[in-house]
Protein backbone atom coordinates (compact mmCIF):
# COMPACT_ATOMS: atom_id res chain seq x y z
CA UNK A 1 -0.07 0.18 -0.10
CA UNK A 2 1.28 3.32 -0.93
CA UNK A 3 0.70 6.41 1.25
CA UNK A 4 1.60 9.67 -0.08
CA UNK A 5 1.24 13.41 2.24
CA UNK A 6 -0.14 16.22 1.94
CA UNK A 7 -2.46 15.93 -0.79
CA UNK A 8 -6.53 16.88 -0.22
CA UNK A 9 -9.69 16.60 -1.52
CA UNK A 10 -12.67 18.54 -0.63
CA UNK A 11 -16.60 19.16 -1.08
CA UNK A 12 -18.15 22.27 -0.93
CA UNK A 13 -22.18 23.15 -1.53
CA UNK A 14 -24.34 26.31 -1.68
CA UNK A 15 -28.29 26.81 -2.15
CA UNK A 16 -27.65 30.57 -2.10
CA UNK A 17 -29.96 32.24 -4.58
CA UNK A 18 -27.26 35.07 -5.53
CA UNK A 19 -24.89 33.06 -8.36
CA UNK A 20 -21.55 35.06 -6.83
CA UNK A 21 -22.35 34.24 -3.12
CA UNK A 22 -23.24 30.35 -4.09
CA UNK A 23 -19.87 30.11 -6.14
CA UNK A 24 -18.04 31.60 -3.07
CA UNK A 25 -19.90 29.86 -0.34
CA UNK A 26 -19.51 26.33 -1.93
CA UNK A 27 -15.55 27.11 -3.13
CA UNK A 28 -14.73 28.33 -0.13
CA UNK A 29 -16.36 25.30 2.06
CA UNK A 30 -14.22 22.83 -0.55
CA UNK A 31 -10.94 24.65 -0.03
CA UNK A 32 -11.51 24.55 3.83
CA UNK A 33 -8.15 27.55 3.46
CA UNK A 34 -6.26 25.56 1.33
CA UNK A 35 -4.56 26.15 -1.98
CA UNK A 36 -6.17 24.39 -4.81
CA UNK A 37 -4.38 22.96 -8.37
CA UNK A 38 -8.34 22.29 -9.71
CA UNK A 39 -11.65 23.06 -9.11
CA UNK A 40 -14.48 21.54 -10.26
CA UNK A 41 -18.22 23.68 -10.28
CA UNK A 42 -21.41 21.27 -10.89
CA UNK A 43 -24.17 23.69 -11.14
CA UNK A 44 -27.90 24.56 -12.34
CA UNK A 45 -28.05 26.49 -15.49
CA UNK A 46 -30.24 29.06 -13.54
CA UNK A 47 -27.31 30.41 -12.17
CA UNK A 48 -25.63 33.51 -13.64
CA UNK A 49 -22.85 31.29 -14.91
CA UNK A 50 -20.60 34.40 -15.90
CA UNK A 51 -20.97 36.00 -12.21
CA UNK A 52 -20.51 32.37 -10.44
CA UNK A 53 -17.27 31.51 -12.09
CA UNK A 54 -15.62 35.14 -11.24
CA UNK A 55 -16.50 34.11 -7.82
CA UNK A 56 -14.75 30.81 -7.47
CA UNK A 57 -11.42 32.02 -9.43
CA UNK A 58 -11.45 34.86 -6.55
CA UNK A 59 -11.58 32.50 -4.19
CA UNK A 60 -9.53 29.56 -5.64
CA UNK A 61 -6.76 31.98 -6.95
CA UNK A 62 -5.19 33.00 -9.97
CA UNK A 63 -3.41 29.41 -10.54
CA UNK A 64 -5.79 27.01 -10.14
CA UNK A 65 -7.63 24.80 -13.32
CA UNK A 66 -11.35 25.69 -12.69
CA UNK A 67 -13.75 23.28 -15.01
CA UNK A 68 -17.36 22.08 -14.87
CA UNK A 69 -20.73 22.12 -16.36
CA UNK A 70 -24.05 22.79 -15.69
CA UNK A 71 -26.49 19.46 -14.89
CA UNK A 72 -29.10 18.20 -14.09
CA UNK A 73 -28.85 18.21 -10.26
CA UNK A 74 -26.01 18.08 -8.02
CA UNK A 75 -24.64 15.19 -5.59
CA UNK A 76 -21.98 15.55 -3.12
CA UNK A 77 -21.39 14.82 0.74
CA UNK A 78 -21.92 18.63 1.52
CA UNK A 79 -25.32 18.57 0.24
CA UNK A 80 -26.83 15.18 -0.84
CA UNK A 81 -28.44 14.97 -3.69
CA UNK A 82 -30.12 18.70 -4.66
CA UNK A 83 -31.57 20.87 -7.58
CA UNK A 84 -30.92 24.33 -8.40
CA UNK A 85 -27.57 24.70 -6.24
CA UNK A 86 -23.69 24.83 -6.57
CA UNK A 87 -21.79 21.97 -6.18
CA UNK A 88 -17.73 22.15 -5.82
CA UNK A 89 -15.22 19.72 -5.17
CA UNK A 90 -11.19 20.48 -5.11
CA UNK A 91 -8.04 18.84 -4.67
CA UNK A 92 -4.28 20.07 -4.55
CA UNK A 93 -1.50 18.99 -2.30
CA UNK A 94 1.83 17.48 -3.62
CA UNK A 95 1.53 14.16 -5.54
CA UNK A 96 -1.12 15.64 -8.24
CA UNK A 97 -0.52 17.16 -11.92
CA UNK A 98 -3.88 18.45 -13.48
CA UNK A 99 -4.17 19.84 -17.12
CA UNK A 100 -6.89 21.09 -19.04
CA UNK A 101 -7.88 21.46 -22.50
CA UNK A 102 -11.30 22.37 -24.32
CA UNK A 103 -12.51 21.67 -27.90
CA UNK A 104 -16.06 22.85 -29.51
CA UNK A 105 -17.81 20.07 -30.99
CA UNK A 106 -18.96 22.40 -33.84
CA UNK A 107 -15.37 22.96 -34.74
CA UNK A 108 -14.60 19.29 -35.05
CA UNK A 109 -16.64 16.09 -35.26
CA UNK A 110 -17.21 14.61 -32.00
CA UNK A 111 -14.62 12.16 -32.63
CA UNK A 112 -12.00 14.98 -33.62
CA UNK A 113 -12.86 16.64 -30.33
CA UNK A 114 -12.60 13.79 -27.93
CA UNK A 115 -9.17 13.14 -29.44
CA UNK A 116 -8.21 16.80 -29.17
CA UNK A 117 -8.94 17.12 -25.45
CA UNK A 118 -7.02 13.99 -24.82
CA UNK A 119 -3.91 15.95 -25.86
CA UNK A 120 -3.88 16.87 -22.30
CA UNK A 121 -2.85 13.98 -21.32
CA UNK A 122 0.49 13.60 -23.68
CA UNK A 123 3.53 14.06 -21.60
CA UNK A 124 2.01 13.32 -18.01
CA UNK A 125 4.89 11.42 -16.16
CA UNK A 126 2.50 10.62 -12.94
CA UNK A 127 2.43 6.79 -12.43
CA UNK A 128 -1.59 6.60 -12.00
CA UNK A 129 -3.45 8.98 -14.81
CA UNK A 130 -7.03 9.40 -15.46
CA UNK A 131 -8.64 11.38 -18.03
CA UNK A 132 -11.91 12.81 -16.93
CA UNK A 133 -14.35 14.40 -19.87
CA UNK A 134 -16.99 16.94 -19.38
CA UNK A 135 -19.23 17.27 -22.26
CA UNK A 136 -21.99 19.09 -24.10
CA UNK A 137 -25.03 16.48 -23.09
CA UNK A 138 -27.25 17.66 -26.11
CA UNK A 139 -24.49 17.27 -29.61
CA UNK A 140 -25.25 13.70 -29.89
CA UNK A 141 -22.96 11.07 -30.85
CA UNK A 142 -21.30 10.35 -27.21
CA UNK A 143 -19.72 7.11 -28.15
CA UNK A 144 -17.30 9.01 -30.46
CA UNK A 145 -16.19 11.49 -27.97
CA UNK A 146 -15.33 8.16 -26.12
CA UNK A 147 -13.76 6.49 -28.91
CA UNK A 148 -11.76 9.94 -30.08
CA UNK A 149 -10.02 10.25 -26.77
CA UNK A 150 -9.86 6.85 -27.07
CA UNK A 151 -7.79 6.60 -30.39
CA UNK A 152 -5.37 9.27 -28.84
CA UNK A 153 -4.45 7.26 -25.62
CA UNK A 154 -5.34 3.89 -25.96
CA UNK A 155 -5.92 1.45 -23.19
CA UNK A 156 -3.71 2.55 -20.60
CA UNK A 157 -5.68 5.64 -19.25
CA UNK A 158 -9.11 5.35 -17.89
CA UNK A 159 -11.56 7.56 -19.07
CA UNK A 160 -14.27 9.28 -16.52
CA UNK A 161 -16.73 11.91 -16.68
CA UNK A 162 -20.05 12.78 -17.82
CA UNK A 163 -22.72 14.87 -20.35
CA UNK A 164 -23.68 17.98 -18.97
CA UNK A 165 -27.16 18.67 -18.44
CA UNK A 166 -30.18 21.45 -18.59
CA UNK A 167 -32.39 21.44 -15.48
CA UNK A 168 -34.71 24.26 -16.52
CA UNK A 169 -35.25 22.59 -20.05
CA UNK A 170 -34.13 25.86 -22.20
CA UNK A 171 -32.34 22.76 -24.19
CA UNK A 172 -28.88 24.22 -24.06
CA UNK A 173 -26.21 23.27 -21.53
CA UNK A 174 -22.89 24.84 -20.82
CA UNK A 175 -19.46 23.81 -19.89
CA UNK A 176 -16.63 25.71 -18.27
CA UNK A 177 -13.25 25.54 -19.07
CA UNK A 178 -10.78 28.43 -16.84
CA UNK A 179 -12.54 31.43 -16.55
CA UNK A 180 -15.13 30.74 -19.80
CA UNK A 181 -18.67 29.74 -19.85
CA UNK A 182 -18.73 27.30 -23.17
CA UNK A 183 -21.66 25.17 -24.98
CA UNK A 184 -21.25 22.69 -27.63
CA UNK A 185 -17.68 21.74 -26.07
CA UNK A 186 -15.93 18.79 -24.75
CA UNK A 187 -13.36 19.72 -21.63
CA UNK A 188 -10.78 17.44 -20.43
CA UNK A 189 -9.23 17.11 -17.52
CA UNK A 190 -5.92 15.41 -17.36
CA UNK A 191 -5.26 13.70 -13.71
CA UNK A 192 -1.92 12.56 -12.93
CA UNK A 193 -0.87 10.71 -9.35
CA UNK A 194 1.62 9.62 -7.30
CA UNK A 195 -1.04 7.25 -5.43
CA UNK A 196 -3.99 4.87 -7.21
CA UNK A 197 -7.10 5.91 -8.69
CA UNK A 198 -9.89 3.60 -9.06
CA UNK A 199 -13.04 3.54 -11.49
CA UNK A 200 -16.22 1.99 -10.49
CA UNK A 201 -19.01 1.23 -12.67
CA UNK A 202 -22.65 0.23 -11.94
CA UNK A 203 -26.66 0.46 -12.43
CA UNK A 204 -28.37 -1.70 -10.31
CA UNK A 205 -30.67 -2.89 -13.84
CA UNK A 206 -30.99 -6.68 -14.87
CA UNK A 207 -32.05 -8.14 -18.24
CA UNK A 208 -35.60 -9.08 -18.77
CA UNK A 209 -35.38 -12.12 -21.13
CA UNK A 210 -36.10 -13.29 -23.68
CA UNK A 211 -33.29 -11.61 -25.78
CA UNK A 212 -34.10 -9.92 -28.87
CA UNK A 213 -31.92 -8.99 -31.95
CA UNK A 214 -32.04 -5.42 -33.84
CA UNK A 215 -32.30 -6.36 -37.11
CA UNK A 216 -32.35 -3.34 -38.80
CA UNK A 217 -31.28 0.07 -36.94
CA UNK A 218 -29.56 3.26 -38.17
CA UNK A 219 -27.69 4.95 -35.35
CA UNK A 220 -29.83 5.51 -32.46
CA UNK A 221 -32.84 4.75 -33.88
CA UNK A 222 -34.40 1.22 -34.36
CA UNK A 223 -36.74 -0.25 -36.94
CA UNK A 224 -37.07 -3.46 -36.29
CA UNK A 225 -36.44 -5.99 -33.50
CA UNK A 226 -36.47 -9.87 -34.26
CA UNK A 227 -37.41 -8.57 -37.90
CA UNK A 228 -40.69 -7.19 -36.50
CA UNK A 229 -41.44 -3.21 -36.42
CA UNK A 230 -39.63 -2.05 -33.09
CA UNK A 231 -42.25 -0.41 -31.53
CA UNK A 232 -44.64 -3.10 -32.15
CA UNK A 233 -42.52 -5.58 -30.05
CA UNK A 234 -42.12 -2.92 -27.44
CA UNK A 235 -45.87 -2.11 -26.68
CA UNK A 236 -46.45 -6.15 -26.62
CA UNK A 237 -43.95 -6.67 -24.69
CA UNK A 238 -44.70 -4.01 -21.86
CA UNK A 239 -48.73 -4.61 -22.35
CA UNK A 240 -49.00 -0.58 -23.69
CA UNK A 241 -51.61 0.32 -26.17
CA UNK A 242 -49.87 3.31 -27.73
CA UNK A 243 -46.36 4.77 -27.91
CA UNK A 244 -47.40 7.87 -25.25
CA UNK A 245 -48.11 5.22 -22.95
CA UNK A 246 -44.79 3.79 -22.84
CA UNK A 247 -42.75 6.90 -22.59
CA UNK A 248 -45.07 8.60 -19.66
CA UNK A 249 -41.82 10.32 -17.59
CA UNK A 250 -39.15 9.21 -15.66
CA UNK A 251 -40.78 7.03 -13.18
CA UNK A 252 -41.64 4.63 -16.96
CA UNK A 253 -38.34 4.67 -18.10
CA UNK A 254 -37.21 1.93 -20.66
CA UNK A 255 -34.13 0.61 -21.15
CA UNK A 256 -32.30 -1.85 -23.90
CA UNK A 257 -29.07 -3.54 -22.54
CA UNK A 258 -26.37 -4.53 -25.23
CA UNK A 259 -23.96 -7.42 -24.01
CA UNK A 260 -20.38 -6.28 -23.08
CA UNK A 261 -17.90 -8.50 -21.24
CA UNK A 262 -18.28 -6.21 -18.10
CA UNK A 263 -22.19 -6.74 -18.33
CA UNK A 264 -24.91 -4.57 -19.88
CA UNK A 265 -24.19 -1.31 -21.76
CA UNK A 266 -27.59 0.64 -21.47
CA UNK A 267 -29.41 2.53 -24.06
CA UNK A 268 -32.80 4.43 -22.35
CA UNK A 269 -35.14 4.64 -24.99
CA UNK A 270 -37.34 7.49 -24.83
CA UNK A 271 -39.45 7.47 -27.93
CA UNK A 272 -41.10 5.69 -31.07
CA UNK A 273 -42.52 6.92 -34.17
CA UNK A 274 -46.38 5.90 -34.83
CA UNK A 275 -46.11 6.41 -38.18
CA UNK A 276 -43.16 4.07 -39.28
CA UNK A 277 -43.05 2.19 -36.10
CA UNK A 278 -39.49 2.86 -34.93
CA UNK A 279 -37.89 3.48 -31.87
CA UNK A 280 -35.20 6.13 -30.45
CA UNK A 281 -32.12 5.10 -28.25
CA UNK A 282 -29.95 7.60 -26.39
CA UNK A 283 -26.78 6.19 -27.83
CA UNK A 284 -26.02 3.87 -31.47
CA UNK A 285 -27.29 0.39 -31.52
CA UNK A 286 -25.40 -1.74 -33.81
CA UNK A 287 -27.53 -3.60 -36.30
CA UNK A 288 -27.66 -7.34 -35.58
CA UNK A 289 -27.15 -6.72 -31.93
CA UNK A 290 -28.34 -8.50 -28.80
CA UNK A 291 -29.98 -7.03 -26.70
CA UNK A 292 -32.94 -7.11 -23.83
CA UNK A 293 -35.05 -5.04 -22.53
CA UNK A 294 -33.76 -4.31 -18.60
CA UNK A 295 -35.81 -3.84 -15.30
CA UNK A 296 -35.17 -2.31 -12.24
CA UNK A 297 -36.09 -2.58 -8.38
CA UNK A 298 -35.94 0.19 -6.32
CA UNK A 299 -33.04 -1.45 -3.67
CA UNK A 300 -31.21 -2.89 -6.87
CA UNK A 301 -30.58 0.53 -7.91
CA UNK A 302 -29.38 1.80 -4.75
CA UNK A 303 -27.24 -1.30 -4.54
CA UNK A 304 -25.76 -0.15 -7.61
CA UNK A 305 -24.60 2.84 -5.87
CA UNK A 306 -22.99 1.16 -3.37
CA UNK A 307 -21.35 -1.13 -5.61
CA UNK A 308 -19.87 1.43 -7.86
CA UNK A 309 -18.27 2.80 -4.99
CA UNK A 310 -16.93 -0.10 -3.94
CA UNK A 311 -15.47 -1.06 -6.98
CA UNK A 312 -13.49 2.29 -6.83
CA UNK A 313 -12.19 2.14 -3.78
CA UNK A 314 -11.27 -1.32 -4.30
CA UNK A 315 -9.04 0.02 -7.32
CA UNK A 316 -7.14 1.83 -5.41
CA UNK A 317 -5.61 -1.33 -4.38
CA UNK A 318 -5.58 -1.25 -0.18
CA UNK A 319 -4.64 2.68 -0.10
CA UNK A 320 -7.31 4.44 1.71
CA UNK A 321 -9.54 6.73 -0.13
CA UNK A 322 -8.98 10.83 -0.52
CA UNK A 323 -11.81 11.93 -2.15
CA UNK A 324 -14.41 10.27 -4.88
CA UNK A 325 -15.86 11.94 -8.04
CA UNK A 326 -19.43 10.76 -8.70
CA UNK A 327 -21.20 10.83 -12.11
CA UNK A 328 -24.74 9.71 -11.66
CA UNK A 329 -27.57 9.64 -14.50
CA UNK A 330 -30.25 11.94 -13.98
CA UNK A 331 -32.55 9.48 -15.29
CA UNK A 332 -31.48 7.18 -11.97
CA UNK A 333 -32.97 10.77 -10.15
CA UNK A 334 -35.76 10.96 -11.69
CA UNK A 335 -36.76 6.99 -11.02
CA UNK A 336 -35.26 7.38 -7.51
CA UNK A 337 -37.54 10.62 -6.17
CA UNK A 338 -36.60 12.55 -3.39
CA UNK A 339 -36.39 9.38 -0.77
CA UNK A 340 -34.11 7.15 -3.28
CA UNK A 341 -31.69 9.76 -3.79
CA UNK A 342 -31.14 10.35 0.07
CA UNK A 343 -31.01 6.87 0.02
CA UNK A 344 -28.34 7.00 -2.75
CA UNK A 345 -26.55 9.30 -0.84
CA UNK A 346 -26.57 7.32 2.69
CA UNK A 347 -25.19 4.18 0.51
CA UNK A 348 -22.32 6.31 -0.85
CA UNK A 349 -21.59 7.54 2.43
CA UNK A 350 -21.85 3.34 3.96
CA UNK A 351 -18.81 2.40 1.66
CA UNK A 352 -16.93 5.66 1.49
CA UNK A 353 -17.48 6.77 5.42
CA UNK A 354 -16.30 10.15 5.96
CA UNK A 355 -14.36 10.73 3.03
CA UNK A 356 -15.25 14.01 0.58
CA UNK A 357 -17.16 12.99 -2.74
CA UNK A 358 -18.69 15.43 -5.44
CA UNK A 359 -20.29 15.59 -8.45
CA UNK A 360 -23.23 16.08 -10.45
CA UNK A 361 -26.64 14.32 -12.20
CA UNK A 362 -25.60 13.62 -15.55
CA UNK A 363 -27.46 13.55 -19.37
CA UNK A 364 -25.31 10.23 -19.63
CA UNK A 365 -22.03 8.98 -18.21
CA UNK A 366 -18.56 8.21 -19.45
CA UNK A 367 -16.40 5.43 -17.90
CA UNK A 368 -13.91 3.12 -20.11
CA UNK A 369 -11.59 0.92 -18.49
CA UNK A 370 -11.73 -1.74 -21.05
CA UNK A 371 -12.21 -1.31 -24.72
CA UNK A 372 -13.14 1.69 -26.99
CA UNK A 373 -17.17 1.87 -25.68
CA UNK A 374 -17.56 4.04 -22.64
CA UNK A 375 -20.53 6.41 -22.88
CA UNK A 376 -23.20 5.18 -20.42
CA UNK A 377 -26.87 5.68 -19.36
CA UNK A 378 -28.49 5.03 -15.98
CA UNK A 379 -25.52 4.51 -14.53
CA UNK A 380 -23.39 5.93 -11.55
CA UNK A 381 -19.64 6.16 -12.39
CA UNK A 382 -17.40 7.19 -9.51
CA UNK A 383 -13.62 7.95 -9.78
CA UNK A 384 -11.89 7.43 -6.36
CA UNK A 385 -8.33 9.24 -5.67
CA UNK A 386 -6.04 7.66 -2.72
């Protein structure tokens, strides 16, 4: 077991309605008088983002890397599961190197944007590394961003992160890089550490038999399952009369699982076309892919949160966790509701104890520890730092 002294990880939270005050309160709590190397800001789109970031910079000092994004809710040890607030995590001390880079998706393809920000990792000389990706959740093709980063880094560097959200329904999300408020961007954070890093990925969903084959699909649009119109198959399997009955809100989330070596890779099904009888998935479903409808019970989803954290801590190889980043699906928050998210927060604390943690509810999660695929849904992704 390796011990590195002088390192720290902090979490802060604020519900202040004034944006500058909220940013200042959250970062002051996370820093607790310490000088940061990096500050991570996750907040509601309802804030004045320019004023909020300026207040964070004033407290963090001129040398800190500042990154983050808007959310579908905030999640931290300082504030639990929250909406409309500001959650900040920060780290510093000896043994950390942090480099950041941003790319606009509109100026590149999705794959090129992922490859561009992955260049922040080039030349990193710490023994343990990970690339965090904070991406616009409304630009499409999430898997291509991950594949772009993978094309630069290969299998040696884990990828983690999430897709930014819009909790006010304006259909626009924002990303933060240094003192700039961006939209339509990918922000890469290269983390180098002298002590181990561990990644956890879990969701608590399970297959519903029988399996199906996506016999005709195009990207995220599925036209046929087992040779039949896809919408008709779903209506029959779920006992529904119309597409409107199937897609009735967060509490009725439909999930499709694709088989992977590490388990099922989930796609959220979010709509159907009554005319051509197709259905729409949150990410591409390859033609001829074997897939299953997925179900989950309330306690299994809570258990998935604990499992993700346990996997991340186990990845530290016996070292004690210093802090944990949390990237949780906004769909999970909707299904669990206020009571369930409180239980989920308690489950995380049950694994990490008094160790600070923080992150946000996403429009999709990123975790790649093997292979080039790494965009997820309805999943809690965690990154533990020793």
